[in-house]
């Protein structure tokens, strides 16, 4: 996958919320990827993602479906990450700059996820 940080951010978001989104136990592409990679480490999942044709096809289709022109990888000036909640903590998932999940801080019950993430 080339220039895929947005796609990877979406995969992080979906995989960390499988039950809420109704993905868990379904026959969708995301669940197939999850089942195929559940026993792999992060590096293994990344290598597998490059060859998982269903996700590659969706990524390539969406890249050309937008309103802007496709930009060559070496000229990209934006980057997407995933911010999610894991065990009551705000967590940044960014494989390009972090070697693993970056735990930002605990989400207070009075603020909730969205307010906490917006402040980050």
PDB file of N, CA and C in Angstrom:
ATOM      1  N   UNK A   1       0.837  -1.183   0.000  1.00  0.00           N
ATOM      2  CA  UNK A   1       0.000   0.000   0.000  1.00  0.00           C
ATOM      3  C   UNK A   1       0.874   1.234   0.000  1.00  0.00           C
ATOM      4  N   UNK A   2       0.552   2.144  -0.877  1.00  0.00           N
ATOM      5  CA  UNK A   2       1.332   3.370  -0.987  1.00  0.00           C
ATOM      6  C   UNK A   2       0.510   4.535  -0.464  1.00  0.00           C
ATOM      7  N   UNK A   3       1.127   5.402   0.329  1.00  0.00           N
ATOM      8  CA  UNK A   3       0.465   6.598   0.839  1.00  0.00           C
ATOM      9  C   UNK A   3      -0.831   6.221   1.565  1.00  0.00           C
ATOM     10  N   UNK A   4      -0.733   5.303   2.520  1.00  0.00           N
ATOM     11  CA  UNK A   4      -1.913   4.675   3.106  1.00  0.00           C
ATOM     12  C   UNK A   4      -2.167   5.028   4.566  1.00  0.00           C
ATOM     13  N   UNK A   5      -1.630   6.135   5.072  1.00  0.00           N
ATOM     14  CA  UNK A   5      -1.819   6.427   6.493  1.00  0.00           C
ATOM     15  C   UNK A   5      -3.290   6.605   6.846  1.00  0.00           C
ATOM     16  N   UNK A   6      -4.087   7.187   5.949  1.00  0.00           N
ATOM     17  CA  UNK A   6      -5.519   7.339   6.206  1.00  0.00           C
ATOM     18  C   UNK A   6      -6.217   5.996   6.267  1.00  0.00           C
ATOM     19  N   UNK A   7      -5.861   5.103   5.361  1.00  0.00           N
ATOM     20  CA  UNK A   7      -6.427   3.754   5.364  1.00  0.00           C
ATOM     21  C   UNK A   7      -6.028   3.015   6.634  1.00  0.00           C
ATOM     22  N   UNK A   8      -4.787   3.135   7.026  1.00  0.00           N
ATOM     23  CA  UNK A   8      -4.314   2.452   8.235  1.00  0.00           C
ATOM     24  C   UNK A   8      -4.979   3.044   9.473  1.00  0.00           C
ATOM     25  N   UNK A   9      -5.179   4.355   9.507  1.00  0.00           N
ATOM     26  CA  UNK A   9      -5.892   4.975  10.623  1.00  0.00           C
ATOM     27  C   UNK A   9      -7.315   4.426  10.715  1.00  0.00           C
ATOM     28  N   UNK A  10      -7.973   4.259   9.573  1.00  0.00           N
ATOM     29  CA  UNK A  10      -9.324   3.685   9.571  1.00  0.00           C
ATOM     30  C   UNK A  10      -9.307   2.228  10.051  1.00  0.00           C
ATOM     31  N   UNK A  11      -8.308   1.471   9.626  1.00  0.00           N
ATOM     32  CA  UNK A  11      -8.199   0.075  10.073  1.00  0.00           C
ATOM     33  C   UNK A  11      -8.024   0.034  11.585  1.00  0.00           C
ATOM     34  N   UNK A  12      -7.154   0.893  12.127  1.00  0.00           N
ATOM     35  CA  UNK A  12      -6.991   0.973  13.584  1.00  0.00           C
ATOM     36  C   UNK A  12      -8.328   1.273  14.254  1.00  0.00           C
ATOM     37  N   UNK A  13      -9.044   2.245  13.730  1.00  0.00           N
ATOM     38  CA  UNK A  13     -10.324   2.648  14.326  1.00  0.00           C
ATOM     39  C   UNK A  13     -11.331   1.510  14.307  1.00  0.00           C
ATOM     40  N   UNK A  14     -11.417   0.835  13.190  1.00  0.00           N
ATOM     41  CA  UNK A  14     -12.376  -0.273  13.062  1.00  0.00           C
ATOM     42  C   UNK A  14     -11.973  -1.437  13.954  1.00  0.00           C
ATOM     43  N   UNK A  15     -10.705  -1.810  13.920  1.00  0.00           N
ATOM     44  CA  UNK A  15     -10.259  -2.977  14.698  1.00  0.00           C
ATOM     45  C   UNK A  15     -10.397  -2.754  16.200  1.00  0.00           C
ATOM     46  N   UNK A  16     -10.262  -1.520  16.655  1.00  0.00           N
ATOM     47  CA  UNK A  16     -10.379  -1.231  18.079  1.00  0.00           C
ATOM     48  C   UNK A  16     -11.819  -1.009  18.521  1.00  0.00           C
ATOM     49  N   UNK A  17     -12.741  -1.102  17.585  1.00  0.00           N
ATOM     50  CA  UNK A  17     -14.161  -0.913  17.904  1.00  0.00           C
ATOM     51  C   UNK A  17     -15.032  -1.940  17.176  1.00  0.00           C
ATOM     52  N   UNK A  18     -14.506  -3.133  16.983  1.00  0.00           N
ATOM     53  CA  UNK A  18     -15.196  -4.179  16.223  1.00  0.00           C
ATOM     54  C   UNK A  18     -16.588  -4.472  16.761  1.00  0.00           C
ATOM     55  N   UNK A  19     -16.722  -4.611  18.073  1.00  0.00           N
ATOM     56  CA  UNK A  19     -18.023  -4.937  18.659  1.00  0.00           C
ATOM     57  C   UNK A  19     -19.022  -3.801  18.475  1.00  0.00           C
ATOM     58  N   UNK A  20     -18.590  -2.579  18.749  1.00  0.00           N
ATOM     59  CA  UNK A  20     -19.470  -1.417  18.629  1.00  0.00           C
ATOM     60  C   UNK A  20     -19.961  -1.245  17.196  1.00  0.00           C
ATOM     61  N   UNK A  21     -19.085  -1.501  16.222  1.00  0.00           N
ATOM     62  CA  UNK A  21     -19.416  -1.293  14.817  1.00  0.00           C
ATOM     63  C   UNK A  21     -20.112  -2.488  14.171  1.00  0.00           C
ATOM     64  N   UNK A  22     -20.230  -3.588  14.904  1.00  0.00           N
ATOM     65  CA  UNK A  22     -20.881  -4.767  14.348  1.00  0.00           C
ATOM     66  C   UNK A  22     -20.001  -5.573  13.406  1.00  0.00           C
ATOM     67  N   UNK A  23     -18.706  -5.344  13.464  1.00  0.00           N
ATOM     68  CA  UNK A  23     -17.757  -6.047  12.604  1.00  0.00           C
ATOM     69  C   UNK A  23     -17.441  -7.437  13.154  1.00  0.00           C
ATOM     70  N   UNK A  24     -17.354  -7.546  14.462  1.00  0.00           N
ATOM     71  CA  UNK A  24     -16.979  -8.796  15.115  1.00  0.00           C
ATOM     72  C   UNK A  24     -17.916  -9.935  14.708  1.00  0.00           C
ATOM     73  N   UNK A  25     -17.329 -10.998  14.187  1.00  0.00           N
ATOM     74  CA  UNK A  25     -18.102 -12.172  13.793  1.00  0.00           C
ATOM     75  C   UNK A  25     -18.759 -12.061  12.431  1.00  0.00           C
ATOM     76  N   UNK A  26     -18.615 -10.937  11.756  1.00  0.00           N
ATOM     77  CA  UNK A  26     -19.227 -10.764  10.436  1.00  0.00           C
ATOM     78  C   UNK A  26     -18.309 -11.340   9.354  1.00  0.00           C
ATOM     79  N   UNK A  27     -18.731 -11.202   8.121  1.00  0.00           N
ATOM     80  CA  UNK A  27     -17.946 -11.698   6.994  1.00  0.00           C
ATOM     81  C   UNK A  27     -17.350 -10.546   6.189  1.00  0.00           C
ATOM     82  N   UNK A  28     -17.193  -9.371   6.817  1.00  0.00           N
ATOM     83  CA  UNK A  28     -16.682  -8.202   6.096  1.00  0.00           C
ATOM     84  C   UNK A  28     -15.159  -8.279   5.933  1.00  0.00           C
ATOM     85  N   UNK A  29     -14.630  -7.427   5.105  1.00  0.00           N
ATOM     86  CA  UNK A  29     -13.195  -7.401   4.818  1.00  0.00           C
ATOM     87  C   UNK A  29     -12.381  -7.169   6.086  1.00  0.00           C
ATOM     88  N   UNK A  30     -12.824  -6.234   6.923  1.00  0.00           N
ATOM     89  CA  UNK A  30     -12.073  -5.930   8.150  1.00  0.00           C
ATOM     90  C   UNK A  30     -11.990  -7.141   9.068  1.00  0.00           C
ATOM     91  N   UNK A  31     -13.064  -7.883   9.198  1.00  0.00           N
ATOM     92  CA  UNK A  31     -13.061  -9.063  10.072  1.00  0.00           C
ATOM     93  C   UNK A  31     -12.200 -10.174   9.479  1.00  0.00           C
ATOM     94  N   UNK A  32     -12.192 -10.305   8.178  1.00  0.00           N
ATOM     95  CA  UNK A  32     -11.318 -11.299   7.528  1.00  0.00           C
ATOM     96  C   UNK A  32      -9.854 -10.964   7.821  1.00  0.00           C
ATOM     97  N   UNK A  33      -9.514  -9.680   7.718  1.00  0.00           N
ATOM     98  CA  UNK A  33      -8.154  -9.255   8.027  1.00  0.00           C
ATOM     99  C   UNK A  33      -7.828  -9.527   9.491  1.00  0.00           C
ATOM    100  N   UNK A  34      -8.756  -9.201  10.380  1.00  0.00           N
ATOM    101  CA  UNK A  34      -8.569  -9.433  11.817  1.00  0.00           C
ATOM    102  C   UNK A  34      -8.293 -10.909  12.100  1.00  0.00           C
ATOM    103  N   UNK A  35      -9.124 -11.780  11.557  1.00  0.00           N
ATOM    104  CA  UNK A  35      -8.970 -13.217  11.802  1.00  0.00           C
ATOM    105  C   UNK A  35      -7.652 -13.752  11.237  1.00  0.00           C
ATOM    106  N   UNK A  36      -7.241 -13.235  10.095  1.00  0.00           N
ATOM    107  CA  UNK A  36      -6.006 -13.698   9.465  1.00  0.00           C
ATOM    108  C   UNK A  36      -4.755 -13.232  10.201  1.00  0.00           C
ATOM    109  N   UNK A  37      -4.867 -12.134  10.952  1.00  0.00           N
ATOM    110  CA  UNK A  37      -3.676 -11.537  11.572  1.00  0.00           C
ATOM    111  C   UNK A  37      -3.697 -11.540  13.095  1.00  0.00           C
ATOM    112  N   UNK A  38      -4.691 -12.156  13.701  1.00  0.00           N
ATOM    113  CA  UNK A  38      -4.861 -12.065  15.156  1.00  0.00           C
ATOM    114  C   UNK A  38      -3.630 -12.541  15.933  1.00  0.00           C
ATOM    115  N   UNK A  39      -2.911 -13.508  15.413  1.00  0.00           N
ATOM    116  CA  UNK A  39      -1.746 -14.038  16.128  1.00  0.00           C
ATOM    117  C   UNK A  39      -0.425 -13.403  15.688  1.00  0.00           C
ATOM    118  N   UNK A  40      -0.490 -12.385  14.851  1.00  0.00           N
ATOM    119  CA  UNK A  40       0.728 -11.722  14.358  1.00  0.00           C
ATOM    120  C   UNK A  40       1.073 -10.517  15.218  1.00  0.00           C
ATOM    121  N   UNK A  41       2.356 -10.153  15.225  1.00  0.00           N
ATOM    122  CA  UNK A  41       2.746  -8.900  15.870  1.00  0.00           C
ATOM    123  C   UNK A  41       2.508  -7.757  14.879  1.00  0.00           C
ATOM    124  N   UNK A  42       2.770  -6.535  15.299  1.00  0.00           N
ATOM    125  CA  UNK A  42       2.509  -5.370  14.460  1.00  0.00           C
ATOM    126  C   UNK A  42       3.245  -5.401  13.133  1.00  0.00           C
ATOM    127  N   UNK A  43       4.501  -5.818  13.162  1.00  0.00           N
ATOM    128  CA  UNK A  43       5.266  -5.883  11.919  1.00  0.00           C
ATOM    129  C   UNK A  43       4.679  -6.910  10.962  1.00  0.00           C
ATOM    130  N   UNK A  44       4.280  -8.052  11.507  1.00  0.00           N
ATOM    131  CA  UNK A  44       3.667  -9.097  10.685  1.00  0.00           C
ATOM    132  C   UNK A  44       2.359  -8.625  10.068  1.00  0.00           C
ATOM    133  N   UNK A  45       1.555  -7.927  10.859  1.00  0.00           N
ATOM    134  CA  UNK A  45       0.291  -7.390  10.332  1.00  0.00           C
ATOM    135  C   UNK A  45       0.555  -6.383   9.210  1.00  0.00           C
ATOM    136  N   UNK A  46       1.567  -5.545   9.397  1.00  0.00           N
ATOM    137  CA  UNK A  46       1.905  -4.565   8.364  1.00  0.00           C
ATOM    138  C   UNK A  46       2.322  -5.226   7.067  1.00  0.00           C
ATOM    139  N   UNK A  47       3.157  -6.259   7.167  1.00  0.00           N
ATOM    140  CA  UNK A  47       3.583  -6.984   5.968  1.00  0.00           C
ATOM    141  C   UNK A  47       2.387  -7.668   5.300  1.00  0.00           C
ATOM    142  N   UNK A  48       1.520  -8.251   6.122  1.00  0.00           N
ATOM    143  CA  UNK A  48       0.335  -8.933   5.587  1.00  0.00           C
ATOM    144  C   UNK A  48      -0.605  -7.934   4.914  1.00  0.00           C
ATOM    145  N   UNK A  49      -0.728  -6.753   5.480  1.00  0.00           N
ATOM    146  CA  UNK A  49      -1.596  -5.727   4.913  1.00  0.00           C
ATOM    147  C   UNK A  49      -1.181  -5.386   3.483  1.00  0.00           C
ATOM    148  N   UNK A  50       0.110  -5.341   3.228  1.00  0.00           N
ATOM    149  CA  UNK A  50       0.600  -5.033   1.889  1.00  0.00           C
ATOM    150  C   UNK A  50       0.153  -6.057   0.852  1.00  0.00           C
ATOM    151  N   UNK A  51      -0.166  -7.271   1.299  1.00  0.00           N
ATOM    152  CA  UNK A  51      -0.558  -8.334   0.370  1.00  0.00           C
ATOM    153  C   UNK A  51      -2.031  -8.706   0.477  1.00  0.00           C
ATOM    154  N   UNK A  52      -2.772  -8.065   1.380  1.00  0.00           N
ATOM    155  CA  UNK A  52      -4.187  -8.387   1.577  1.00  0.00           C
ATOM    156  C   UNK A  52      -4.994  -7.645   0.510  1.00  0.00           C
ATOM    157  N   UNK A  53      -5.249  -8.338  -0.583  1.00  0.00           N
ATOM    158  CA  UNK A  53      -5.769  -7.705  -1.787  1.00  0.00           C
ATOM    159  C   UNK A  53      -7.104  -6.995  -1.588  1.00  0.00           C
ATOM    160  N   UNK A  54      -7.983  -7.506  -0.739  1.00  0.00           N
ATOM    161  CA  UNK A  54      -9.275  -6.847  -0.515  1.00  0.00           C
ATOM    162  C   UNK A  54      -9.094  -5.422   0.004  1.00  0.00           C
ATOM    163  N   UNK A  55      -8.199  -5.240   0.973  1.00  0.00           N
ATOM    164  CA  UNK A  55      -7.963  -3.897   1.509  1.00  0.00           C
ATOM    165  C   UNK A  55      -7.190  -3.042   0.501  1.00  0.00           C
ATOM    166  N   UNK A  56      -6.238  -3.627  -0.185  1.00  0.00           N
ATOM    167  CA  UNK A  56      -5.495  -2.894  -1.221  1.00  0.00           C
ATOM    168  C   UNK A  56      -6.467  -2.371  -2.276  1.00  0.00           C
ATOM    169  N   UNK A  57      -7.423  -3.217  -2.706  1.00  0.00           N
ATOM    170  CA  UNK A  57      -8.391  -2.802  -3.726  1.00  0.00           C
ATOM    171  C   UNK A  57      -9.278  -1.660  -3.233  1.00  0.00           C
ATOM    172  N   UNK A  58      -9.779  -1.760  -1.987  1.00  0.00           N
ATOM    173  CA  UNK A  58     -10.616  -0.693  -1.426  1.00  0.00           C
ATOM    174  C   UNK A  58      -9.809   0.603  -1.321  1.00  0.00           C
ATOM    175  N   UNK A  59      -8.585   0.501  -0.810  1.00  0.00           N
ATOM    176  CA  UNK A  59      -7.721   1.685  -0.691  1.00  0.00           C
ATOM    177  C   UNK A  59      -7.527   2.354  -2.052  1.00  0.00           C
ATOM    178  N   UNK A  60      -7.144   1.574  -3.059  1.00  0.00           N
ATOM    179  CA  UNK A  60      -6.880   2.132  -4.383  1.00  0.00           C
ATOM    180  C   UNK A  60      -8.133   2.742  -5.009  1.00  0.00           C
ATOM    181  N   UNK A  61      -9.280   2.140  -4.769  1.00  0.00           N
ATOM    182  CA  UNK A  61     -10.538   2.679  -5.289  1.00  0.00           C
ATOM    183  C   UNK A  61     -10.853   4.027  -4.633  1.00  0.00           C
ATOM    184  N   UNK A  62     -10.681   4.108  -3.308  1.00  0.00           N
ATOM    185  CA  UNK A  62     -10.999   5.341  -2.596  1.00  0.00           C
ATOM    186  C   UNK A  62     -10.012   6.463  -2.902  1.00  0.00           C
ATOM    187  N   UNK A  63      -8.761   6.116  -3.160  1.00  0.00           N
ATOM    188  CA  UNK A  63      -7.747   7.131  -3.483  1.00  0.00           C
ATOM    189  C   UNK A  63      -8.160   7.910  -4.728  1.00  0.00           C
ATOM    190  N   UNK A  64      -8.734   7.219  -5.696  1.00  0.00           N
ATOM    191  CA  UNK A  64      -9.105   7.876  -6.948  1.00  0.00           C
ATOM    192  C   UNK A  64     -10.532   8.429  -6.922  1.00  0.00           C
ATOM    193  N   UNK A  65     -11.295   8.166  -5.866  1.00  0.00           N
ATOM    194  CA  UNK A  65     -12.694   8.598  -5.799  1.00  0.00           C
ATOM    195  C   UNK A  65     -12.866   9.980  -5.179  1.00  0.00           C
ATOM    196  N   UNK A  66     -11.834  10.520  -4.581  1.00  0.00           N
ATOM    197  CA  UNK A  66     -11.941  11.810  -3.897  1.00  0.00           C
ATOM    198  C   UNK A  66     -12.051  12.976  -4.852  1.00  0.00           C
ATOM    199  N   UNK A  67     -12.227  14.155  -4.286  1.00  0.00           N
ATOM    200  CA  UNK A  67     -12.369  15.363  -5.086  1.00  0.00           C
ATOM    201  C   UNK A  67     -11.029  15.990  -5.450  1.00  0.00           C
ATOM    202  N   UNK A  68      -9.975  15.586  -4.771  1.00  0.00           N
ATOM    203  CA  UNK A  68      -8.660  16.163  -5.056  1.00  0.00           C
ATOM    204  C   UNK A  68      -7.853  15.225  -5.948  1.00  0.00           C
ATOM    205  N   UNK A  69      -6.788  15.752  -6.496  1.00  0.00           N
ATOM    206  CA  UNK A  69      -5.913  14.948  -7.343  1.00  0.00           C
ATOM    207  C   UNK A  69      -5.082  14.006  -6.488  1.00  0.00           C
ATOM    208  N   UNK A  70      -4.738  12.862  -7.057  1.00  0.00           N
ATOM    209  CA  UNK A  70      -3.857  11.920  -6.382  1.00  0.00           C
ATOM    210  C   UNK A  70      -2.459  12.521  -6.354  1.00  0.00           C
ATOM    211  N   UNK A  71      -1.836  12.502  -5.181  1.00  0.00           N
ATOM    212  CA  UNK A  71      -0.521  13.103  -4.997  1.00  0.00           C
ATOM    213  C   UNK A  71       0.521  11.996  -4.897  1.00  0.00           C
ATOM    214  N   UNK A  72       1.660  12.198  -5.519  1.00  0.00           N
ATOM    215  CA  UNK A  72       2.746  11.224  -5.430  1.00  0.00           C
ATOM    216  C   UNK A  72       3.220  11.136  -3.984  1.00  0.00           C
ATOM    217  N   UNK A  73       3.602   9.939  -3.552  1.00  0.00           N
ATOM    218  CA  UNK A  73       3.981   9.694  -2.150  1.00  0.00           C
ATOM    219  C   UNK A  73       5.053  10.637  -1.644  1.00  0.00           C
ATOM    220  N   UNK A  74       6.027  10.947  -2.466  1.00  0.00           N
ATOM    221  CA  UNK A  74       7.126  11.793  -1.995  1.00  0.00           C
ATOM    222  C   UNK A  74       6.728  13.267  -1.883  1.00  0.00           C
ATOM    223  N   UNK A  75       5.506  13.607  -2.318  1.00  0.00           N
ATOM    224  CA  UNK A  75       5.044  14.987  -2.242  1.00  0.00           C
ATOM    225  C   UNK A  75       3.897  15.171  -1.243  1.00  0.00           C
ATOM    226  N   UNK A  76       3.577  14.137  -0.493  1.00  0.00           N
ATOM    227  CA  UNK A  76       2.492  14.217   0.489  1.00  0.00           C
ATOM    228  C   UNK A  76       2.953  15.054   1.672  1.00  0.00           C
ATOM    229  N   UNK A  77       2.103  15.989   2.101  1.00  0.00           N
ATOM    230  CA  UNK A  77       2.476  16.840   3.229  1.00  0.00           C
ATOM    231  C   UNK A  77       1.527  16.702   4.413  1.00  0.00           C
ATOM    232  N   UNK A  78       0.628  15.718   4.376  1.00  0.00           N
ATOM    233  CA  UNK A  78      -0.312  15.489   5.468  1.00  0.00           C
ATOM    234  C   UNK A  78      -0.149  14.065   5.991  1.00  0.00           C
ATOM    235  N   UNK A  79      -0.609  13.857   7.206  1.00  0.00           N
ATOM    236  CA  UNK A  79      -0.492  12.529   7.811  1.00  0.00           C
ATOM    237  C   UNK A  79      -1.709  12.286   8.696  1.00  0.00           C
ATOM    238  N   UNK A  80      -2.263  11.081   8.656  1.00  0.00           N
ATOM    239  CA  UNK A  80      -3.424  10.717   9.458  1.00  0.00           C
ATOM    240  C   UNK A  80      -3.036   9.700  10.510  1.00  0.00           C
ATOM    241  N   UNK A  81      -3.616   9.840  11.692  1.00  0.00           N
ATOM    242  CA  UNK A  81      -3.408   8.883  12.778  1.00  0.00           C
ATOM    243  C   UNK A  81      -4.768   8.489  13.335  1.00  0.00           C
ATOM    244  N   UNK A  82      -4.771   7.515  14.197  1.00  0.00           N
ATOM    245  CA  UNK A  82      -5.997   7.086  14.869  1.00  0.00           C
ATOM    246  C   UNK A  82      -5.900   7.446  16.339  1.00  0.00           C
ATOM    247  N   UNK A  83      -6.924   8.102  16.844  1.00  0.00           N
ATOM    248  CA  UNK A  83      -7.050   8.357  18.273  1.00  0.00           C
ATOM    249  C   UNK A  83      -8.227   7.513  18.743  1.00  0.00           C
ATOM    250  N   UNK A  84      -8.018   6.659  19.732  1.00  0.00           N
ATOM    251  CA  UNK A  84      -9.071   5.764  20.192  1.00  0.00           C
ATOM    252  C   UNK A  84      -9.042   5.653  21.706  1.00  0.00           C
ATOM    253  N   UNK A  85     -10.010   4.956  22.232  1.00  0.00           N
ATOM    254  CA  UNK A  85     -10.075   4.701  23.666  1.00  0.00           C
ATOM    255  C   UNK A  85      -9.764   3.240  23.913  1.00  0.00           C
ATOM    256  N   UNK A  86      -8.813   3.001  24.790  1.00  0.00           N
ATOM    257  CA  UNK A  86      -8.461   1.631  25.170  1.00  0.00           C
ATOM    258  C   UNK A  86      -8.422   1.566  26.690  1.00  0.00           C
ATOM    259  N   UNK A  87      -9.297   0.774  27.255  1.00  0.00           N
ATOM    260  CA  UNK A  87      -9.361   0.586  28.716  1.00  0.00           C
ATOM    261  C   UNK A  87      -9.430   1.925  29.455  1.00  0.00           C
ATOM    262  N   UNK A  88     -10.239   2.851  28.930  1.00  0.00           N
ATOM    263  CA  UNK A  88     -10.433   4.132  29.593  1.00  0.00           C
ATOM    264  C   UNK A  88      -9.326   5.142  29.406  1.00  0.00           C
ATOM    265  N   UNK A  89      -8.422   4.885  28.464  1.00  0.00           N
ATOM    266  CA  UNK A  89      -7.320   5.813  28.187  1.00  0.00           C
ATOM    267  C   UNK A  89      -7.380   6.274  26.737  1.00  0.00           C
ATOM    268  N   UNK A  90      -7.001   7.529  26.512  1.00  0.00           N
ATOM    269  CA  UNK A  90      -6.868   8.064  25.175  1.00  0.00           C
ATOM    270  C   UNK A  90      -5.559   7.541  24.599  1.00  0.00           C
ATOM    271  N   UNK A  91      -5.634   6.909  23.432  1.00  0.00           N
ATOM    272  CA  UNK A  91      -4.465   6.267  22.841  1.00  0.00           C
ATOM    273  C   UNK A  91      -4.305   6.729  21.397  1.00  0.00           C
ATOM    274  N   UNK A  92      -3.083   7.102  21.045  1.00  0.00           N
ATOM    275  CA  UNK A  92      -2.747   7.468  19.676  1.00  0.00           C
ATOM    276  C   UNK A  92      -2.082   6.269  19.013  1.00  0.00           C
ATOM    277  N   UNK A  93      -2.595   5.898  17.843  1.00  0.00           N
ATOM    278  CA  UNK A  93      -2.017   4.804  17.068  1.00  0.00           C
ATOM    279  C   UNK A  93      -1.435   5.394  15.795  1.00  0.00           C
ATOM    280  N   UNK A  94      -0.129   5.351  15.677  1.00  0.00           N
ATOM    281  CA  UNK A  94       0.567   5.962  14.553  1.00  0.00           C
ATOM    282  C   UNK A  94       1.831   5.169  14.276  1.00  0.00           C
ATOM    283  N   UNK A  95       1.752   4.247  13.357  1.00  0.00           N
ATOM    284  CA  UNK A  95       2.887   3.385  13.050  1.00  0.00           C
ATOM    285  C   UNK A  95       4.064   4.104  12.437  1.00  0.00           C
ATOM    286  N   UNK A  96       3.843   5.287  11.895  1.00  0.00           N
ATOM    287  CA  UNK A  96       4.943   6.013  11.255  1.00  0.00           C
ATOM    288  C   UNK A  96       5.862   6.673  12.269  1.00  0.00           C
ATOM    289  N   UNK A  97       5.322   7.089  13.415  1.00  0.00           N
ATOM    290  CA  UNK A  97       6.119   7.849  14.367  1.00  0.00           C
ATOM    291  C   UNK A  97       6.219   7.217  15.747  1.00  0.00           C
ATOM    292  N   UNK A  98       5.401   6.227  16.035  1.00  0.00           N
ATOM    293  CA  UNK A  98       5.452   5.558  17.341  1.00  0.00           C
ATOM    294  C   UNK A  98       5.778   4.089  17.132  1.00  0.00           C
ATOM    295  N   UNK A  99       6.520   3.515  18.041  1.00  0.00           N
ATOM    296  CA  UNK A  99       6.850   2.099  17.934  1.00  0.00           C
ATOM    297  C   UNK A  99       5.729   1.221  18.477  1.00  0.00           C
ATOM    298  N   UNK A 100       4.701   1.823  18.993  1.00  0.00           N
ATOM    299  CA  UNK A 100       3.550   1.098  19.517  1.00  0.00           C
ATOM    300  C   UNK A 100       2.513   2.098  19.949  1.00  0.00           C
ATOM    301  N   UNK A 101       1.455   1.627  20.582  1.00  0.00           N
ATOM    302  CA  UNK A 101       0.425   2.564  21.045  1.00  0.00           C
ATOM    303  C   UNK A 101       1.010   3.622  21.979  1.00  0.00           C
ATOM    304  N   UNK A 102       0.620   4.863  21.760  1.00  0.00           N
ATOM    305  CA  UNK A 102       1.059   5.976  22.597  1.00  0.00           C
ATOM    306  C   UNK A 102      -0.099   6.343  23.526  1.00  0.00           C
ATOM    307  N   UNK A 103       0.006   5.972  24.800  1.00  0.00           N
ATOM    308  CA  UNK A 103      -1.052   6.269  25.760  1.00  0.00           C
ATOM    309  C   UNK A 103      -0.922   7.728  26.165  1.00  0.00           C
ATOM    310  N   UNK A 104      -1.941   8.526  25.831  1.00  0.00           N
ATOM    311  CA  UNK A 104      -1.908   9.959  26.096  1.00  0.00           C
ATOM    312  C   UNK A 104      -2.230  10.222  27.563  1.00  0.00           C
ATOM    313  N   UNK A 105      -3.418   9.842  28.010  1.00  0.00           N
ATOM    314  CA  UNK A 105      -3.787   9.922  29.422  1.00  0.00           C
ATOM    315  C   UNK A 105      -5.165   9.316  29.640  1.00  0.00           C
ATOM    316  N   UNK A 106      -5.553   9.181  30.893  1.00  0.00           N
ATOM    317  CA  UNK A 106      -6.844   8.605  31.260  1.00  0.00           C
ATOM    318  C   UNK A 106      -7.968   9.549  30.840  1.00  0.00           C
ATOM    319  N   UNK A 107      -9.049   8.957  30.347  1.00  0.00           N
ATOM    320  CA  UNK A 107     -10.227   9.732  29.968  1.00  0.00           C
ATOM    321  C   UNK A 107     -11.106   9.874  31.201  1.00  0.00           C
ATOM    322  N   UNK A 108     -11.357  11.105  31.604  1.00  0.00           N
ATOM    323  CA  UNK A 108     -12.202  11.313  32.786  1.00  0.00           C
ATOM    324  C   UNK A 108     -13.661  11.087  32.409  1.00  0.00           C
ATOM    325  N   UNK A 109     -14.423  10.568  33.342  1.00  0.00           N
ATOM    326  CA  UNK A 109     -15.839  10.308  33.092  1.00  0.00           C
ATOM    327  C   UNK A 109     -16.601  11.593  32.820  1.00  0.00           C
ATOM    328  N   UNK A 110     -16.172  12.697  33.427  1.00  0.00           N
ATOM    329  CA  UNK A 110     -16.883  13.965  33.229  1.00  0.00           C
ATOM    330  C   UNK A 110     -16.663  14.538  31.833  1.00  0.00           C
ATOM    331  N   UNK A 111     -15.530  14.245  31.205  1.00  0.00           N
ATOM    332  CA  UNK A 111     -15.250  14.792  29.885  1.00  0.00           C
ATOM    333  C   UNK A 111     -15.649  13.828  28.762  1.00  0.00           C
ATOM    334  N   UNK A 112     -15.347  12.566  28.902  1.00  0.00           N
ATOM    335  CA  UNK A 112     -15.615  11.596  27.859  1.00  0.00           C
ATOM    336  C   UNK A 112     -14.553  11.604  26.773  1.00  0.00           C
ATOM    337  N   UNK A 113     -14.706  10.679  25.853  1.00  0.00           N
ATOM    338  CA  UNK A 113     -13.708  10.476  24.805  1.00  0.00           C
ATOM    339  C   UNK A 113     -13.572  11.687  23.885  1.00  0.00           C
ATOM    340  N   UNK A 114     -14.672  12.151  23.328  1.00  0.00           N
ATOM    341  CA  UNK A 114     -14.596  13.213  22.326  1.00  0.00           C
ATOM    342  C   UNK A 114     -13.956  14.491  22.860  1.00  0.00           C
ATOM    343  N   UNK A 115     -14.365  14.915  24.037  1.00  0.00           N
ATOM    344  CA  UNK A 115     -13.788  16.137  24.621  1.00  0.00           C
ATOM    345  C   UNK A 115     -12.305  15.943  24.911  1.00  0.00           C
ATOM    346  N   UNK A 116     -11.955  14.779  25.429  1.00  0.00           N
ATOM    347  CA  UNK A 116     -10.546  14.494  25.732  1.00  0.00           C
ATOM    348  C   UNK A 116      -9.721  14.470  24.455  1.00  0.00           C
ATOM    349  N   UNK A 117     -10.236  13.824  23.416  1.00  0.00           N
ATOM    350  CA  UNK A 117      -9.510  13.748  22.140  1.00  0.00           C
ATOM    351  C   UNK A 117      -9.371  15.123  21.498  1.00  0.00           C
ATOM    352  N   UNK A 118     -10.406  15.955  21.611  1.00  0.00           N
ATOM    353  CA  UNK A 118     -10.349  17.288  21.026  1.00  0.00           C
ATOM    354  C   UNK A 118      -9.268  18.141  21.672  1.00  0.00           C
ATOM    355  N   UNK A 119      -9.026  17.935  22.957  1.00  0.00           N
ATOM    356  CA  UNK A 119      -7.989  18.699  23.666  1.00  0.00           C
ATOM    357  C   UNK A 119      -6.583  18.222  23.304  1.00  0.00           C
ATOM    358  N   UNK A 120      -6.476  16.977  22.859  1.00  0.00           N
ATOM    359  CA  UNK A 120      -5.186  16.423  22.496  1.00  0.00           C
ATOM    360  C   UNK A 120      -4.695  17.109  21.244  1.00  0.00           C
TER     361      UNK A 120
END
